[in-house]
Amino acid sequence: TYGKWSVQSIFPIQRSVGLRLTTAKFYSPAGKTLGKIGVKPDVEVELPDHVVLHRGPMANSLEDDPDVRKALDVAREQAAGRPLFSNR
């Protein structure tokens, strides 16, 4: 997912004026920042076009959510003793 990997704070100067300043940055355990790159997920979920193009709540229940469905599949595979990930 894409992220800035930083925290910005606004410090008021006058009534309608403020200073936006980067006050913190996040780093991976290896010391890298992944801003504008994002984190590659261990498990990818392919979404149908109607989900990708839709904004807002899509599923009527958790079981209808593609991400939840994939998470349940992965959990079932793990419980069955199958390897979750292959060496890429």
PDB file of N, CA and C in Angstrom:
ATOM      1  N   THR A   1       0.837  -1.183   0.000  1.00  0.00           N
ATOM      2  CA  THR A   1       0.000   0.000   0.000  1.00  0.00           C
ATOM      3  C   THR A   1       0.874   1.235   0.000  1.00  0.00           C
ATOM      4  N   TYR A   2       0.365   2.286  -0.586  1.00  0.00           N
ATOM      5  CA  TYR A   2       1.098   3.543  -0.645  1.00  0.00           C
ATOM      6  C   TYR A   2       0.931   4.290   0.663  1.00  0.00           C
ATOM      7  N   GLY A   3       1.978   4.923   1.092  1.00  0.00           N
ATOM      8  CA  GLY A   3       1.890   5.757   2.284  1.00  0.00           C
ATOM      9  C   GLY A   3       3.022   6.751   2.318  1.00  0.00           C
ATOM     10  N   LYS A   4       2.854   7.793   3.092  1.00  0.00           N
ATOM     11  CA  LYS A   4       3.888   8.823   3.180  1.00  0.00           C
ATOM     12  C   LYS A   4       4.984   8.429   4.159  1.00  0.00           C
ATOM     13  N   TRP A   5       4.689   7.593   5.104  1.00  0.00           N
ATOM     14  CA  TRP A   5       5.635   7.166   6.124  1.00  0.00           C
ATOM     15  C   TRP A   5       6.185   8.352   6.904  1.00  0.00           C
ATOM     16  N   SER A   6       5.369   9.367   7.068  1.00  0.00           N
ATOM     17  CA  SER A   6       5.774  10.519   7.863  1.00  0.00           C
ATOM     18  C   SER A   6       4.551  11.086   8.575  1.00  0.00           C
ATOM     19  N   VAL A   7       4.825  11.853   9.605  1.00  0.00           N
ATOM     20  CA  VAL A   7       3.773  12.522  10.363  1.00  0.00           C
ATOM     21  C   VAL A   7       4.001  14.015  10.225  1.00  0.00           C
ATOM     22  N   GLN A   8       2.953  14.718   9.869  1.00  0.00           N
ATOM     23  CA  GLN A   8       3.060  16.169   9.778  1.00  0.00           C
ATOM     24  C   GLN A   8       2.128  16.791  10.804  1.00  0.00           C
ATOM     25  N   SER A   9       2.623  17.826  11.460  1.00  0.00           N
ATOM     26  CA  SER A   9       1.840  18.548  12.464  1.00  0.00           C
ATOM     27  C   SER A   9       1.689  19.992  12.012  1.00  0.00           C
ATOM     28  N   ILE A  10       0.579  20.589  12.387  1.00  0.00           N
ATOM     29  CA  ILE A  10       0.345  21.997  12.063  1.00  0.00           C
ATOM     30  C   ILE A  10       0.460  22.805  13.352  1.00  0.00           C
ATOM     31  N   PHE A  11       1.345  23.780  13.323  1.00  0.00           N
ATOM     32  CA  PHE A  11       1.556  24.662  14.464  1.00  0.00           C
ATOM     33  C   PHE A  11       0.939  26.018  14.146  1.00  0.00           C
ATOM     34  N   PRO A  12      -0.081  26.430  14.911  1.00  0.00           N
ATOM     35  CA  PRO A  12      -0.720  27.722  14.651  1.00  0.00           C
ATOM     36  C   PRO A  12       0.264  28.874  14.870  1.00  0.00           C
ATOM     37  N   ILE A  13       0.240  29.832  13.957  1.00  0.00           N
ATOM     38  CA  ILE A  13       1.075  31.022  14.083  1.00  0.00           C
ATOM     39  C   ILE A  13       0.196  32.235  14.368  1.00  0.00           C
ATOM     40  N   GLN A  14      -0.822  32.401  13.565  1.00  0.00           N
ATOM     41  CA  GLN A  14      -1.806  33.454  13.772  1.00  0.00           C
ATOM     42  C   GLN A  14      -3.180  32.817  13.643  1.00  0.00           C
ATOM     43  N   ARG A  15      -4.201  33.645  13.621  1.00  0.00           N
ATOM     44  CA  ARG A  15      -5.577  33.152  13.605  1.00  0.00           C
ATOM     45  C   ARG A  15      -5.835  32.162  12.468  1.00  0.00           C
ATOM     46  N   SER A  16      -5.455  32.483  11.255  1.00  0.00           N
ATOM     47  CA  SER A  16      -5.722  31.596  10.114  1.00  0.00           C
ATOM     48  C   SER A  16      -4.441  31.158   9.412  1.00  0.00           C
ATOM     49  N   VAL A  17      -3.336  31.220  10.121  1.00  0.00           N
ATOM     50  CA  VAL A  17      -2.041  30.864   9.531  1.00  0.00           C
ATOM     51  C   VAL A  17      -1.381  29.823  10.422  1.00  0.00           C
ATOM     52  N   GLY A  18      -0.777  28.833   9.785  1.00  0.00           N
ATOM     53  CA  GLY A  18      -0.063  27.817  10.537  1.00  0.00           C
ATOM     54  C   GLY A  18       1.137  27.320   9.772  1.00  0.00           C
ATOM     55  N   LEU A  19       1.997  26.637  10.471  1.00  0.00           N
ATOM     56  CA  LEU A  19       3.192  26.046   9.871  1.00  0.00           C
ATOM     57  C   LEU A  19       3.021  24.537   9.887  1.00  0.00           C
ATOM     58  N   ARG A  20       3.052  23.930   8.701  1.00  0.00           N
ATOM     59  CA  ARG A  20       2.982  22.470   8.623  1.00  0.00           C
ATOM     60  C   ARG A  20       4.414  21.954   8.586  1.00  0.00           C
ATOM     61  N   LEU A  21       4.739  21.094   9.533  1.00  0.00           N
ATOM     62  CA  LEU A  21       6.107  20.637   9.695  1.00  0.00           C
ATOM     63  C   LEU A  21       6.119  19.120   9.849  1.00  0.00           C
ATOM     64  N   THR A  22       7.039  18.461   9.167  1.00  0.00           N
ATOM     65  CA  THR A  22       7.203  17.025   9.354  1.00  0.00           C
ATOM     66  C   THR A  22       7.831  16.811  10.719  1.00  0.00           C
ATOM     67  N   THR A  23       7.123  16.096  11.586  1.00  0.00           N
ATOM     68  CA  THR A  23       7.575  15.919  12.967  1.00  0.00           C
ATOM     69  C   THR A  23       8.033  14.499  13.279  1.00  0.00           C
ATOM     70  N   ALA A  24       7.772  13.563  12.385  1.00  0.00           N
ATOM     71  CA  ALA A  24       8.210  12.182  12.603  1.00  0.00           C
ATOM     72  C   ALA A  24       8.261  11.460  11.268  1.00  0.00           C
ATOM     73  N   LYS A  25       9.136  10.473  11.189  1.00  0.00           N
ATOM     74  CA  LYS A  25       9.217   9.609  10.011  1.00  0.00           C
ATOM     75  C   LYS A  25       9.264   8.167  10.488  1.00  0.00           C
ATOM     76  N   PHE A  26       8.697   7.288   9.684  1.00  0.00           N
ATOM     77  CA  PHE A  26       8.694   5.865   9.998  1.00  0.00           C
ATOM     78  C   PHE A  26       9.712   5.156   9.117  1.00  0.00           C
ATOM     79  N   TYR A  27      10.375   4.150   9.693  1.00  0.00           N
ATOM     80  CA  TYR A  27      11.369   3.381   8.967  1.00  0.00           C
ATOM     81  C   TYR A  27      11.106   1.895   9.178  1.00  0.00           C
ATOM     82  N   SER A  28      11.487   1.089   8.192  1.00  0.00           N
ATOM     83  CA  SER A  28      11.361  -0.363   8.318  1.00  0.00           C
ATOM     84  C   SER A  28      12.437  -0.858   9.286  1.00  0.00           C
ATOM     85  N   PRO A  29      12.347  -2.113   9.733  1.00  0.00           N
ATOM     86  CA  PRO A  29      13.402  -2.649  10.601  1.00  0.00           C
ATOM     87  C   PRO A  29      14.786  -2.593   9.948  1.00  0.00           C
ATOM     88  N   ALA A  30      14.831  -2.580   8.616  1.00  0.00           N
ATOM     89  CA  ALA A  30      16.117  -2.495   7.909  1.00  0.00           C
ATOM     90  C   ALA A  30      16.592  -1.052   7.768  1.00  0.00           C
ATOM     91  N   GLY A  31      15.828  -0.101   8.324  1.00  0.00           N
ATOM     92  CA  GLY A  31      16.234   1.295   8.271  1.00  0.00           C
ATOM     93  C   GLY A  31      15.842   2.026   7.001  1.00  0.00           C
ATOM     94  N   LYS A  32      14.966   1.425   6.202  1.00  0.00           N
ATOM     95  CA  LYS A  32      14.538   2.055   4.950  1.00  0.00           C
ATOM     96  C   LYS A  32      13.193   2.740   5.141  1.00  0.00           C
ATOM     97  N   THR A  33      12.981   3.813   4.398  1.00  0.00           N
ATOM     98  CA  THR A  33      11.674   4.440   4.367  1.00  0.00           C
ATOM     99  C   THR A  33      10.972   3.965   3.099  1.00  0.00           C
ATOM    100  N   LEU A  34       9.726   3.643   3.200  1.00  0.00           N
ATOM    101  CA  LEU A  34       8.997   3.107   2.061  1.00  0.00           C
ATOM    102  C   LEU A  34       7.967   4.099   1.539  1.00  0.00           C
ATOM    103  N   GLY A  35       8.164   5.373   1.841  1.00  0.00           N
ATOM    104  CA  GLY A  35       7.277   6.401   1.328  1.00  0.00           C
ATOM    105  C   GLY A  35       7.267   6.395  -0.189  1.00  0.00           C
ATOM    106  N   LYS A  36       6.111   6.555  -0.778  1.00  0.00           N
ATOM    107  CA  LYS A  36       5.860   6.541  -2.222  1.00  0.00           C
ATOM    108  C   LYS A  36       6.116   5.173  -2.849  1.00  0.00           C
ATOM    109  N   ILE A  37       6.534   4.206  -2.059  1.00  0.00           N
ATOM    110  CA  ILE A  37       6.746   2.845  -2.567  1.00  0.00           C
ATOM    111  C   ILE A  37       5.670   1.934  -1.999  1.00  0.00           C
ATOM    112  N   GLY A  38       5.520   1.965  -0.692  1.00  0.00           N
ATOM    113  CA  GLY A  38       4.533   1.136  -0.032  1.00  0.00           C
ATOM    114  C   GLY A  38       5.096  -0.204   0.394  1.00  0.00           C
ATOM    115  N   VAL A  39       4.272  -0.975   1.043  1.00  0.00           N
ATOM    116  CA  VAL A  39       4.647  -2.288   1.544  1.00  0.00           C
ATOM    117  C   VAL A  39       4.007  -3.334   0.656  1.00  0.00           C
ATOM    118  N   LYS A  40       4.808  -4.265   0.145  1.00  0.00           N
ATOM    119  CA  LYS A  40       4.261  -5.336  -0.680  1.00  0.00           C
ATOM    120  C   LYS A  40       3.613  -6.362   0.251  1.00  0.00           C
ATOM    121  N   PRO A  41       2.345  -6.656   0.038  1.00  0.00           N
ATOM    122  CA  PRO A  41       1.663  -7.606   0.922  1.00  0.00           C
ATOM    123  C   PRO A  41       2.165  -9.034   0.715  1.00  0.00           C
ATOM    124  N   ASP A  42       2.093  -9.841   1.768  1.00  0.00           N
ATOM    125  CA  ASP A  42       2.432 -11.258   1.649  1.00  0.00           C
ATOM    126  C   ASP A  42       1.390 -11.988   0.814  1.00  0.00           C
ATOM    127  N   VAL A  43       0.137 -11.561   0.935  1.00  0.00           N
ATOM    128  CA  VAL A  43      -0.964 -12.177   0.200  1.00  0.00           C
ATOM    129  C   VAL A  43      -1.692 -11.079  -0.558  1.00  0.00           C
ATOM    130  N   GLU A  44      -1.781 -11.225  -1.873  1.00  0.00           N
ATOM    131  CA  GLU A  44      -2.485 -10.239  -2.682  1.00  0.00           C
ATOM    132  C   GLU A  44      -3.899 -10.729  -2.972  1.00  0.00           C
ATOM    133  N   VAL A  45      -4.837  -9.797  -3.011  1.00  0.00           N
ATOM    134  CA  VAL A  45      -6.232 -10.110  -3.300  1.00  0.00           C
ATOM    135  C   VAL A  45      -6.609  -9.396  -4.590  1.00  0.00           C
ATOM    136  N   GLU A  46      -6.959 -10.178  -5.605  1.00  0.00           N
ATOM    137  CA  GLU A  46      -7.423  -9.596  -6.862  1.00  0.00           C
ATOM    138  C   GLU A  46      -8.870  -9.159  -6.673  1.00  0.00           C
ATOM    139  N   LEU A  47      -9.133  -7.919  -6.978  1.00  0.00           N
ATOM    140  CA  LEU A  47     -10.489  -7.402  -6.816  1.00  0.00           C
ATOM    141  C   LEU A  47     -11.171  -7.269  -8.167  1.00  0.00           C
ATOM    142  N   PRO A  48     -12.443  -7.644  -8.244  1.00  0.00           N
ATOM    143  CA  PRO A  48     -13.181  -7.445  -9.492  1.00  0.00           C
ATOM    144  C   PRO A  48     -13.345  -5.951  -9.770  1.00  0.00           C
ATOM    145  N   ASP A  49     -13.524  -5.603 -11.046  1.00  0.00           N
ATOM    146  CA  ASP A  49     -13.633  -4.198 -11.445  1.00  0.00           C
ATOM    147  C   ASP A  49     -14.710  -3.449 -10.675  1.00  0.00           C
ATOM    148  N   HIS A  50     -15.850  -4.102 -10.417  1.00  0.00           N
ATOM    149  CA  HIS A  50     -16.921  -3.376  -9.730  1.00  0.00           C
ATOM    150  C   HIS A  50     -16.517  -2.987  -8.312  1.00  0.00           C
ATOM    151  N   VAL A  51     -15.589  -3.708  -7.713  1.00  0.00           N
ATOM    152  CA  VAL A  51     -15.104  -3.347  -6.382  1.00  0.00           C
ATOM    153  C   VAL A  51     -14.054  -2.250  -6.490  1.00  0.00           C
ATOM    154  N   VAL A  52     -13.164  -2.361  -7.464  1.00  0.00           N
ATOM    155  CA  VAL A  52     -12.098  -1.375  -7.642  1.00  0.00           C
ATOM    156  C   VAL A  52     -12.679  -0.003  -7.961  1.00  0.00           C
ATOM    157  N   LEU A  53     -13.722   0.038  -8.765  1.00  0.00           N
ATOM    158  CA  LEU A  53     -14.295   1.309  -9.197  1.00  0.00           C
ATOM    159  C   LEU A  53     -15.264   1.910  -8.184  1.00  0.00           C
ATOM    160  N   HIS A  54     -15.677   1.127  -7.194  1.00  0.00           N
ATOM    161  CA  HIS A  54     -16.671   1.583  -6.213  1.00  0.00           C
ATOM    162  C   HIS A  54     -15.979   2.260  -5.038  1.00  0.00           C
ATOM    163  N   ARG A  55     -16.557   3.341  -4.570  1.00  0.00           N
ATOM    164  CA  ARG A  55     -16.061   3.997  -3.353  1.00  0.00           C
ATOM    165  C   ARG A  55     -17.113   3.840  -2.266  1.00  0.00           C
ATOM    166  N   GLY A  56     -16.684   3.485  -1.078  1.00  0.00           N
ATOM    167  CA  GLY A  56     -17.611   3.332   0.027  1.00  0.00           C
ATOM    168  C   GLY A  56     -17.822   1.870   0.366  1.00  0.00           C
ATOM    169  N   PRO A  57     -18.659   1.589   1.353  1.00  0.00           N
ATOM    170  CA  PRO A  57     -18.899   0.208   1.772  1.00  0.00           C
ATOM    171  C   PRO A  57     -19.463  -0.623   0.626  1.00  0.00           C
ATOM    172  N   MET A  58     -18.928  -1.812   0.446  1.00  0.00           N
ATOM    173  CA  MET A  58     -19.341  -2.653  -0.679  1.00  0.00           C
ATOM    174  C   MET A  58     -20.028  -3.928  -0.198  1.00  0.00           C
ATOM    175  N   ALA A  59     -19.481  -4.529   0.850  1.00  0.00           N
ATOM    176  CA  ALA A  59     -19.995  -5.821   1.285  1.00  0.00           C
ATOM    177  C   ALA A  59     -21.121  -5.639   2.296  1.00  0.00           C
ATOM    178  N   ASN A  60     -22.115  -6.532   2.206  1.00  0.00           N
ATOM    179  CA  ASN A  60     -23.214  -6.518   3.168  1.00  0.00           C
ATOM    180  C   ASN A  60     -22.826  -7.213   4.463  1.00  0.00           C
ATOM    181  N   SER A  61     -21.847  -8.112   4.382  1.00  0.00           N
ATOM    182  CA  SER A  61     -21.378  -8.814   5.568  1.00  0.00           C
ATOM    183  C   SER A  61     -19.886  -9.076   5.401  1.00  0.00           C
ATOM    184  N   LEU A  62     -19.249  -9.454   6.493  1.00  0.00           N
ATOM    185  CA  LEU A  62     -17.811  -9.730   6.420  1.00  0.00           C
ATOM    186  C   LEU A  62     -17.502 -10.851   5.442  1.00  0.00           C
ATOM    187  N   GLU A  63     -18.383 -11.855   5.368  1.00  0.00           N
ATOM    188  CA  GLU A  63     -18.141 -12.986   4.474  1.00  0.00           C
ATOM    189  C   GLU A  63     -18.156 -12.564   3.006  1.00  0.00           C
ATOM    190  N   ASP A  64     -18.802 -11.442   2.696  1.00  0.00           N
ATOM    191  CA  ASP A  64     -18.855 -10.950   1.320  1.00  0.00           C
ATOM    192  C   ASP A  64     -17.641 -10.101   0.952  1.00  0.00           C
ATOM    193  N   ASP A  65     -16.836  -9.733   1.928  1.00  0.00           N
ATOM    194  CA  ASP A  65     -15.683  -8.873   1.684  1.00  0.00           C
ATOM    195  C   ASP A  65     -14.543  -9.701   1.091  1.00  0.00           C
ATOM    196  N   PRO A  66     -14.006  -9.316  -0.087  1.00  0.00           N
ATOM    197  CA  PRO A  66     -12.941 -10.101  -0.724  1.00  0.00           C
ATOM    198  C   PRO A  66     -11.699 -10.241   0.149  1.00  0.00           C
ATOM    199  N   ASP A  67     -11.331  -9.206   0.891  1.00  0.00           N
ATOM    200  CA  ASP A  67     -10.153  -9.287   1.753  1.00  0.00           C
ATOM    201  C   ASP A  67     -10.375 -10.262   2.902  1.00  0.00           C
ATOM    202  N   VAL A  68     -11.561 -10.221   3.496  1.00  0.00           N
ATOM    203  CA  VAL A  68     -11.873 -11.126   4.600  1.00  0.00           C
ATOM    204  C   VAL A  68     -11.923 -12.558   4.088  1.00  0.00           C
ATOM    205  N   ARG A  69     -12.535 -12.762   2.920  1.00  0.00           N
ATOM    206  CA  ARG A  69     -12.595 -14.104   2.335  1.00  0.00           C
ATOM    207  C   ARG A  69     -11.193 -14.674   2.120  1.00  0.00           C
ATOM    208  N   LYS A  70     -10.285 -13.862   1.575  1.00  0.00           N
ATOM    209  CA  LYS A  70      -8.914 -14.313   1.331  1.00  0.00           C
ATOM    210  C   LYS A  70      -8.207 -14.608   2.652  1.00  0.00           C
ATOM    211  N   ALA A  71      -8.410 -13.750   3.659  1.00  0.00           N
ATOM    212  CA  ALA A  71      -7.795 -13.979   4.969  1.00  0.00           C
ATOM    213  C   ALA A  71      -8.270 -15.301   5.568  1.00  0.00           C
ATOM    214  N   LEU A  72      -9.557 -15.605   5.418  1.00  0.00           N
ATOM    215  CA  LEU A  72     -10.088 -16.878   5.918  1.00  0.00           C
ATOM    216  C   LEU A  72      -9.488 -18.055   5.160  1.00  0.00           C
ATOM    217  N   ASP A  73      -9.338 -17.925   3.836  1.00  0.00           N
ATOM    218  CA  ASP A  73      -8.709 -18.991   3.045  1.00  0.00           C
ATOM    219  C   ASP A  73      -7.281 -19.248   3.521  1.00  0.00           C
ATOM    220  N   VAL A  74      -6.523 -18.181   3.729  1.00  0.00           N
ATOM    221  CA  VAL A  74      -5.138 -18.314   4.187  1.00  0.00           C
ATOM    222  C   VAL A  74      -5.098 -18.959   5.567  1.00  0.00           C
ATOM    223  N   ALA A  75      -5.995 -18.558   6.465  1.00  0.00           N
ATOM    224  CA  ALA A  75      -6.038 -19.142   7.808  1.00  0.00           C
ATOM    225  C   ALA A  75      -6.378 -20.630   7.745  1.00  0.00           C
ATOM    226  N   ARG A  76      -7.304 -21.008   6.851  1.00  0.00           N
ATOM    227  CA  ARG A  76      -7.661 -22.431   6.702  1.00  0.00           C
ATOM    228  C   ARG A  76      -6.478 -23.234   6.166  1.00  0.00           C
ATOM    229  N   GLU A  77      -5.742 -22.665   5.204  1.00  0.00           N
ATOM    230  CA  GLU A  77      -4.558 -23.348   4.672  1.00  0.00           C
ATOM    231  C   GLU A  77      -3.513 -23.539   5.763  1.00  0.00           C
ATOM    232  N   GLN A  78      -3.328 -22.514   6.577  1.00  0.00           N
ATOM    233  CA  GLN A  78      -2.359 -22.611   7.665  1.00  0.00           C
ATOM    234  C   GLN A  78      -2.793 -23.675   8.669  1.00  0.00           C
ATOM    235  N   ALA A  79      -4.079 -23.716   8.984  1.00  0.00           N
ATOM    236  CA  ALA A  79      -4.592 -24.708   9.929  1.00  0.00           C
ATOM    237  C   ALA A  79      -4.447 -26.122   9.369  1.00  0.00           C
ATOM    238  N   ALA A  80      -4.511 -26.263   8.046  1.00  0.00           N
ATOM    239  CA  ALA A  80      -4.370 -27.571   7.409  1.00  0.00           C
ATOM    240  C   ALA A  80      -2.903 -27.968   7.255  1.00  0.00           C
ATOM    241  N   GLY A  81      -1.997 -27.077   7.656  1.00  0.00           N
ATOM    242  CA  GLY A  81      -0.575 -27.398   7.597  1.00  0.00           C
ATOM    243  C   GLY A  81       0.069 -27.139   6.255  1.00  0.00           C
ATOM    244  N   ARG A  82      -0.630 -26.470   5.348  1.00  0.00           N
ATOM    245  CA  ARG A  82      -0.050 -26.149   4.043  1.00  0.00           C
ATOM    246  C   ARG A  82       0.775 -24.876   4.149  1.00  0.00           C
ATOM    247  N   PRO A  83       1.857 -24.792   3.376  1.00  0.00           N
ATOM    248  CA  PRO A  83       2.665 -23.566   3.425  1.00  0.00           C
ATOM    249  C   PRO A  83       1.867 -22.372   2.907  1.00  0.00           C
ATOM    250  N   LEU A  84       1.997 -21.257   3.601  1.00  0.00           N
ATOM    251  CA  LEU A  84       1.272 -20.055   3.206  1.00  0.00           C
ATOM    252  C   LEU A  84       1.932 -19.342   2.042  1.00  0.00           C
ATOM    253  N   PHE A  85       3.242 -19.300   2.057  1.00  0.00           N
ATOM    254  CA  PHE A  85       3.951 -18.507   1.068  1.00  0.00           C
ATOM    255  C   PHE A  85       5.020 -19.361   0.412  1.00  0.00           C
ATOM    256  N   SER A  86       5.241 -19.107  -0.851  1.00  0.00           N
ATOM    257  CA  SER A  86       6.331 -19.783  -1.544  1.00  0.00           C
ATOM    258  C   SER A  86       7.483 -18.801  -1.667  1.00  0.00           C
ATOM    259  N   ASN A  87       8.671 -19.316  -1.869  1.00  0.00           N
ATOM    260  CA  ASN A  87       9.811 -18.422  -2.104  1.00  0.00           C
ATOM    261  C   ASN A  87       9.625 -17.772  -3.447  1.00  0.00           C
ATOM    262  N   ARG A  88       9.636 -16.438  -3.458  1.00  0.00           N
ATOM    263  CA  ARG A  88       9.376 -15.724  -4.709  1.00  0.00           C
ATOM    264  C   ARG A  88      10.636 -15.488  -5.459  1.00  0.00           C
TER     265      ARG A  88
END
